[in-house]
Amino acid sequence: MASASSRSPASATSPDPVLTLLLPARRYFAGQGPSPAVAKALGRAATIDAEAGELAQLRRPFRLRPVGQWPSAALMERCLKPESDVRPFQWLRADPVWLQPDLTTARLMAWGNLGLTAEEAEALMAPLKPLFGDFGYAFEAREAEAWSVQCPRETRLPSFPHPLAALGDDAFPYLPEGPDARRWRSLMGEAQVLMHQHPVNAERARRGLPPANSLWFWGEGGLPDQVEGPIGHVATADPELAAYATAAGASVSDRVDATKPGLIDLRAERRWPVIDDLLALARAARGQGAFATVRLDFADGHLVTIEPAQRWRFWKRAFKGFA
């Protein structure tokens, strides 16, 4: 096991090295068939169905203590600064989003893909910083669409939903409830007024661009005591996944290598031949002892595990392809 502070390699669920491919839902590969060798391996593989959804898939490779907490904001801060600057505080993401009003509600239409420039982000944040400062919170931008709130350690933060859970849906049912949530609901409302009236959004509307007209709070908490995750190398461009993998002791970059244990983030890939080629490389590396298991984790919750002993399942039919 590894602590978030030491970042030493964490133990995996299995004692054997594993290569995991994070993949989109199977429907994106409809009409695409695997090569004969991969089809045979998939036909003989073990399969189970787990929780569906990209958020569940993102969290599946990791185990944290305390259990049940997912303090993404703190872990992403730890990738940017020393632990001594992160651990004394509670952290929260407050990312700019587009909420689209709709009669009696508003929908979360965009998060992380608004195309804000650094100059636009700086201008939008200018009136928001004193708003948060009045409560003793430091409000800063890490990137144009990645905004962070630093809170005193004693701050009682409610549970905020991940934006992936609400994207495209009515936003109001996802707002936090209870006494600890009142301040944050009020902050969100005041921020919406300031952002809606901001000249940046007026100019974006003139150019036909979506507005950054609200904040979305998520990833609350302090640094966890322990993070366990994939052993080896994690290939991803997702800063949240990278933060958890780094805390678990994995090496992280965007370099894809299917010949070594670890995890490869392919959630944006829609071409099965690319996956097929990687599986061919992985099966060859497995034959040379690089790792024992190859796991395919689809965003619809379908998990496929390929192991050496399955070669004796000669009565199993080859996988025909995705419907």
Protein backbone atom coordinates (compact mmCIF):
# COMPACT_ATOMS: atom_id res chain seq x y z
CA MET A 1 0.00 0.00 0.00
CA ALA A 2 1.07 3.58 -0.62
CA SER A 3 0.42 6.81 1.20
CA ALA A 4 -0.40 9.99 -0.63
CA SER A 5 2.69 11.52 0.91
CA SER A 6 5.30 8.84 0.17
CA ARG A 7 4.00 7.98 -3.31
CA SER A 8 5.65 4.58 -3.08
CA PRO A 9 4.29 1.87 -5.37
CA ALA A 10 0.92 0.57 -4.22
CA SER A 11 -0.11 -3.07 -4.07
CA ALA A 12 -2.67 -4.14 -6.65
CA THR A 13 -5.71 -6.29 -5.98
CA SER A 14 -3.92 -9.15 -7.72
CA PRO A 15 -0.29 -10.07 -6.85
CA ASP A 16 0.44 -10.40 -10.56
CA PRO A 17 1.17 -7.40 -12.80
CA VAL A 18 -1.82 -6.26 -14.85
CA LEU A 19 -2.26 -4.12 -17.96
CA THR A 20 -5.64 -2.35 -18.00
CA LEU A 21 -7.12 -0.56 -21.00
CA LEU A 22 -9.79 2.03 -20.17
CA LEU A 23 -12.17 2.07 -23.14
CA PRO A 24 -15.37 3.87 -24.15
CA ALA A 25 -18.74 2.10 -24.12
CA ARG A 26 -18.91 -0.85 -26.49
CA ARG A 27 -21.53 0.86 -28.69
CA TYR A 28 -18.80 3.12 -30.08
CA PHE A 29 -17.21 0.07 -31.71
CA ALA A 30 -20.42 -1.13 -33.37
CA GLY A 31 -19.74 -2.77 -36.70
CA GLN A 32 -16.03 -3.14 -36.03
CA GLY A 33 -14.60 -6.63 -35.65
CA PRO A 34 -11.36 -7.85 -34.06
CA SER A 35 -8.60 -9.72 -35.82
CA PRO A 36 -8.83 -13.55 -35.68
CA ALA A 37 -6.23 -13.89 -32.90
CA VAL A 38 -7.81 -11.20 -30.74
CA ALA A 39 -11.30 -12.56 -31.47
CA LYS A 40 -10.19 -15.96 -30.17
CA ALA A 41 -8.72 -14.42 -27.01
CA LEU A 42 -11.85 -12.34 -26.38
CA GLY A 43 -14.09 -15.34 -26.90
CA ARG A 44 -12.22 -17.28 -24.22
CA ALA A 45 -11.88 -14.38 -21.78
CA ALA A 46 -13.71 -13.97 -18.48
CA THR A 47 -16.34 -11.23 -18.38
CA ILE A 48 -18.31 -9.47 -15.65
CA ASP A 49 -20.59 -6.43 -15.56
CA ALA A 50 -19.75 -3.68 -13.09
CA GLU A 51 -21.15 -0.20 -12.49
CA ALA A 52 -21.61 1.69 -15.75
CA GLY A 53 -20.57 5.28 -16.41
CA GLU A 54 -17.35 7.16 -17.03
CA LEU A 55 -17.15 8.32 -13.41
CA ALA A 56 -17.41 4.77 -12.06
CA GLN A 57 -14.83 3.68 -14.63
CA LEU A 58 -12.47 6.48 -13.61
CA ARG A 59 -12.60 5.43 -9.96
CA ARG A 60 -12.52 1.66 -10.47
CA PRO A 61 -8.70 1.28 -10.53
CA PHE A 62 -8.22 3.10 -7.20
CA ARG A 63 -8.81 2.44 -3.53
CA LEU A 64 -8.56 5.26 -1.00
CA ARG A 65 -8.47 5.64 2.75
CA PRO A 66 -10.63 7.05 4.22
CA VAL A 67 -13.00 4.92 2.17
CA GLY A 68 -15.75 6.71 0.26
CA GLN A 69 -13.90 9.97 -0.23
CA TRP A 70 -12.68 11.17 -3.63
CA PRO A 71 -10.71 14.39 -2.90
CA SER A 72 -9.70 15.06 -6.49
CA ALA A 73 -9.02 18.75 -5.90
CA ALA A 74 -6.41 18.07 -3.20
CA LEU A 75 -4.70 15.36 -5.25
CA MET A 76 -4.50 17.61 -8.31
CA GLU A 77 -3.04 20.37 -6.13
CA ARG A 78 -0.42 17.87 -4.89
CA CYS A 79 0.77 17.47 -8.49
CA LEU A 80 1.52 21.20 -8.59
CA LYS A 81 3.07 21.96 -5.21
CA PRO A 82 4.77 20.36 -2.18
CA GLU A 83 2.65 18.29 0.18
CA SER A 84 3.40 20.73 3.00
CA ASP A 85 1.52 23.40 1.03
CA VAL A 86 -1.48 21.15 0.44
CA ARG A 87 -2.06 19.02 3.56
CA PRO A 88 -2.98 21.84 6.00
CA PHE A 89 -6.05 22.78 3.93
CA GLN A 90 -9.30 21.52 2.47
CA TRP A 91 -9.58 21.85 -1.29
CA LEU A 92 -12.40 22.22 -3.74
CA ARG A 93 -12.64 22.62 -7.48
CA ALA A 94 -14.85 25.48 -8.69
CA ASP A 95 -14.68 25.10 -12.45
CA PRO A 96 -16.45 27.42 -14.90
CA VAL A 97 -19.37 25.73 -16.66
CA TRP A 98 -22.23 26.52 -18.99
CA LEU A 99 -25.68 26.19 -17.44
CA GLN A 100 -28.46 26.54 -19.99
CA PRO A 101 -31.76 27.85 -18.52
CA ASP A 102 -34.82 25.81 -19.50
CA LEU A 103 -38.24 26.97 -18.24
CA THR A 104 -38.10 25.85 -14.58
CA THR A 105 -34.56 24.49 -14.47
CA ALA A 106 -31.07 24.70 -15.95
CA ARG A 107 -28.96 22.02 -17.61
CA LEU A 108 -25.24 21.47 -17.26
CA MET A 109 -24.25 21.70 -20.91
CA ALA A 110 -20.47 22.04 -20.87
CA TRP A 111 -17.56 21.51 -18.48
CA GLY A 112 -13.88 21.63 -19.38
CA ASN A 113 -14.50 22.28 -23.07
CA LEU A 114 -15.71 25.88 -23.19
CA GLY A 115 -12.56 27.04 -24.95
CA LEU A 116 -11.81 29.85 -22.49
CA THR A 117 -8.56 31.70 -23.02
CA ALA A 118 -6.27 32.56 -20.13
CA GLU A 119 -7.24 36.22 -20.54
CA GLU A 120 -10.96 35.41 -20.40
CA ALA A 121 -10.47 33.26 -17.31
CA GLU A 122 -8.51 35.99 -15.54
CA ALA A 123 -11.20 38.57 -16.32
CA LEU A 124 -14.03 36.30 -15.15
CA MET A 125 -12.22 35.50 -11.90
CA ALA A 126 -11.51 39.14 -11.01
CA PRO A 127 -14.92 39.84 -9.37
CA LEU A 128 -15.14 36.31 -7.93
CA LYS A 129 -11.93 36.41 -5.90
CA PRO A 130 -13.19 38.99 -3.36
CA LEU A 131 -16.49 37.09 -3.13
CA PHE A 132 -14.63 33.99 -1.93
CA GLY A 133 -12.11 36.05 0.02
CA ASP A 134 -14.88 37.42 2.25
CA PHE A 135 -15.33 33.86 3.56
CA GLY A 136 -11.60 33.30 4.04
CA TYR A 137 -11.20 31.16 0.92
CA ALA A 138 -8.39 31.55 -1.63
CA PHE A 139 -9.74 31.32 -5.17
CA GLU A 140 -7.22 30.71 -7.97
CA ALA A 141 -6.94 29.41 -11.51
CA ARG A 142 -4.73 26.41 -12.25
CA GLU A 143 -5.63 26.47 -15.95
CA ALA A 144 -8.13 28.49 -17.96
CA GLU A 145 -10.97 26.10 -17.03
CA ALA A 146 -9.55 24.54 -13.85
CA TRP A 147 -10.28 26.77 -10.85
CA SER A 148 -9.42 25.88 -7.28
CA VAL A 149 -10.63 26.95 -3.82
CA GLN A 150 -8.37 26.63 -0.77
CA CYS A 151 -10.32 26.43 2.50
CA PRO A 152 -9.18 26.34 6.14
CA ARG A 153 -8.77 22.83 7.49
CA GLU A 154 -11.76 23.17 9.82
CA THR A 155 -14.15 24.05 6.97
CA ARG A 156 -17.12 21.69 6.80
CA LEU A 157 -17.60 20.87 3.14
CA PRO A 158 -20.76 19.16 1.91
CA SER A 159 -20.63 16.38 -0.64
CA PHE A 160 -20.57 17.83 -4.15
CA PRO A 161 -21.35 15.78 -7.27
CA HIS A 162 -18.71 15.21 -9.90
CA PRO A 163 -19.56 17.13 -13.11
CA LEU A 164 -19.44 13.87 -15.06
CA ALA A 165 -22.44 12.70 -13.04
CA ALA A 166 -24.55 15.70 -14.02
CA LEU A 167 -23.34 16.60 -17.52
CA GLY A 168 -26.31 17.09 -19.84
CA ASP A 169 -28.78 16.75 -16.99
CA ASP A 170 -30.92 19.07 -14.89
CA ALA A 171 -28.41 20.69 -12.53
CA PHE A 172 -30.67 21.50 -9.59
CA PRO A 173 -31.11 17.93 -8.22
CA TYR A 174 -27.33 17.73 -7.96
CA LEU A 175 -26.94 20.79 -5.74
CA PRO A 176 -25.80 19.92 -2.20
CA GLU A 177 -28.32 19.85 0.64
CA GLY A 178 -28.14 20.46 4.39
CA PRO A 179 -26.78 23.17 6.72
CA ASP A 180 -23.20 22.93 5.40
CA ALA A 181 -24.46 23.44 1.84
CA ARG A 182 -26.25 26.75 2.32
CA ARG A 183 -23.11 28.85 2.04
CA TRP A 184 -22.04 27.10 -1.14
CA ARG A 185 -25.46 27.35 -2.77
CA SER A 186 -25.39 31.06 -1.97
CA LEU A 187 -21.86 31.40 -3.38
CA MET A 188 -22.92 29.64 -6.56
CA GLY A 189 -25.90 31.96 -6.94
CA GLU A 190 -23.83 35.12 -6.43
CA ALA A 191 -21.17 33.81 -8.82
CA GLN A 192 -23.83 33.16 -11.46
CA VAL A 193 -25.01 36.77 -11.27
CA LEU A 194 -21.46 38.13 -11.62
CA MET A 195 -20.57 35.78 -14.47
CA HIS A 196 -23.84 36.25 -16.36
CA GLN A 197 -23.36 40.03 -16.41
CA HIS A 198 -19.65 39.88 -17.24
CA PRO A 199 -18.42 41.53 -20.48
CA VAL A 200 -16.48 38.35 -21.32
CA ASN A 201 -19.73 36.44 -21.73
CA ALA A 202 -21.32 39.27 -23.68
CA GLU A 203 -18.42 39.10 -26.13
CA ARG A 204 -18.59 35.29 -26.30
CA ALA A 205 -22.31 35.51 -27.09
CA ARG A 206 -21.55 37.97 -29.88
CA ARG A 207 -19.11 35.44 -31.36
CA GLY A 208 -21.54 32.53 -31.01
CA LEU A 209 -19.55 30.84 -28.22
CA PRO A 210 -21.08 29.20 -25.13
CA PRO A 211 -20.99 31.31 -21.98
CA ALA A 212 -19.09 30.49 -18.80
CA ASN A 213 -22.02 31.52 -16.64
CA SER A 214 -21.68 29.45 -13.48
CA LEU A 215 -19.30 27.53 -11.22
CA TRP A 216 -19.43 23.81 -10.48
CA PHE A 217 -18.07 22.74 -7.11
CA TRP A 218 -16.59 19.23 -6.89
CA GLY A 219 -13.65 17.12 -5.68
CA GLU A 220 -13.87 18.35 -2.09
CA GLY A 221 -11.63 17.28 0.81
CA GLY A 222 -8.08 17.12 2.10
CA LEU A 223 -5.26 14.84 1.06
CA PRO A 224 -6.18 11.19 1.73
CA ASP A 225 -4.19 8.98 4.07
CA GLN A 226 -3.66 6.30 1.42
CA VAL A 227 -4.11 5.76 -2.31
CA GLU A 228 -3.76 2.38 -4.00
CA GLY A 229 -3.87 1.94 -7.73
CA PRO A 230 -2.23 0.47 -10.82
CA ILE A 231 1.34 -0.78 -10.63
CA GLY A 232 3.59 0.40 -13.44
CA HIS A 233 2.98 3.17 -15.97
CA VAL A 234 -0.26 5.09 -16.48
CA ALA A 235 -0.74 6.70 -19.88
CA THR A 236 -3.33 9.49 -19.76
CA ALA A 237 -3.91 13.14 -20.57
CA ASP A 238 -6.66 13.43 -17.94
CA PRO A 239 -5.32 15.49 -15.00
CA GLU A 240 -7.72 13.88 -12.52
CA LEU A 241 -6.75 10.32 -13.45
CA ALA A 242 -3.09 11.39 -13.49
CA ALA A 243 -3.40 12.83 -9.97
CA TYR A 244 -4.77 9.59 -8.51
CA ALA A 245 -2.19 7.49 -10.36
CA THR A 246 0.66 9.72 -9.16
CA ALA A 247 -0.56 9.50 -5.57
CA ALA A 248 -0.64 5.69 -5.92
CA GLY A 249 3.01 5.65 -6.95
CA ALA A 250 2.65 5.04 -10.69
CA SER A 251 4.70 6.84 -13.30
CA VAL A 252 2.43 9.01 -15.44
CA SER A 253 2.74 10.46 -18.95
CA ASP A 254 0.82 10.48 -22.23
CA ARG A 255 3.17 7.82 -23.67
CA VAL A 256 1.30 4.63 -24.63
CA ASP A 257 3.18 1.36 -24.11
CA ALA A 258 1.18 -1.87 -24.25
CA THR A 259 4.25 -4.02 -23.49
CA LYS A 260 4.46 -3.10 -19.79
CA PRO A 261 2.06 -3.35 -16.83
CA GLY A 262 -0.05 -0.37 -15.83
CA LEU A 263 -3.02 1.42 -17.32
CA ILE A 264 -3.71 3.03 -20.70
CA ASP A 265 -6.47 5.61 -20.95
CA LEU A 266 -8.23 5.10 -24.29
CA ARG A 267 -11.66 6.49 -23.41
CA ALA A 268 -11.57 8.90 -26.35
CA GLU A 269 -10.68 6.22 -28.93
CA ARG A 270 -13.41 5.11 -31.35
CA ARG A 271 -11.38 2.96 -33.78
CA TRP A 272 -11.27 -0.70 -32.80
CA PRO A 273 -8.24 -1.47 -35.04
CA VAL A 274 -6.18 0.79 -32.75
CA ILE A 275 -7.30 -1.28 -29.73
CA ASP A 276 -6.72 -4.49 -31.66
CA ASP A 277 -3.11 -3.53 -32.43
CA LEU A 278 -2.46 -2.69 -28.77
CA LEU A 279 -3.97 -6.02 -27.68
CA ALA A 280 -1.70 -7.86 -30.11
CA LEU A 281 1.32 -6.11 -28.58
CA ALA A 282 0.05 -6.79 -25.07
CA ARG A 283 -0.50 -10.50 -25.75
CA ALA A 284 3.01 -10.81 -27.15
CA ALA A 285 4.49 -9.03 -24.11
CA ARG A 286 2.44 -11.24 -21.80
CA GLY A 287 3.88 -14.29 -23.51
CA GLN A 288 7.34 -13.00 -22.61
CA GLY A 289 6.36 -12.58 -18.94
CA ALA A 290 5.87 -8.79 -18.83
CA PHE A 291 2.55 -9.26 -16.99
CA ALA A 292 0.02 -12.00 -16.40
CA THR A 293 -3.31 -10.33 -17.10
CA VAL A 294 -4.81 -7.96 -19.67
CA ARG A 295 -8.04 -6.26 -18.63
CA LEU A 296 -10.45 -4.29 -20.81
CA ASP A 297 -12.63 -1.87 -18.84
CA PHE A 298 -15.48 -0.46 -20.96
CA ALA A 299 -17.35 2.66 -19.84
CA ASP A 300 -20.66 0.75 -19.96
CA GLY A 301 -19.37 -1.39 -17.07
CA HIS A 302 -18.40 -4.46 -19.12
CA LEU A 303 -15.07 -5.88 -17.91
CA VAL A 304 -13.05 -8.43 -19.89
CA THR A 305 -10.10 -10.26 -18.33
CA ILE A 306 -7.61 -12.16 -20.52
CA GLU A 307 -5.30 -14.62 -18.75
CA PRO A 308 -2.89 -17.37 -19.90
CA ALA A 309 -4.93 -20.30 -18.55
CA GLN A 310 -7.82 -19.38 -20.81
CA ARG A 311 -6.00 -20.81 -23.83
CA TRP A 312 -7.36 -24.22 -22.74
CA ARG A 313 -10.95 -23.05 -23.24
CA PHE A 314 -10.80 -24.34 -26.79
CA TRP A 315 -14.56 -25.03 -26.85
CA LYS A 316 -15.33 -21.29 -26.59
CA ARG A 317 -16.31 -19.57 -29.81
CA ALA A 318 -14.35 -16.60 -31.10
CA PHE A 319 -15.80 -13.16 -30.44
CA LYS A 320 -17.69 -12.00 -33.54
CA GLY A 321 -17.59 -8.25 -33.03
CA PHE A 322 -19.57 -5.41 -31.51
CA ALA A 323 -23.23 -5.09 -32.39
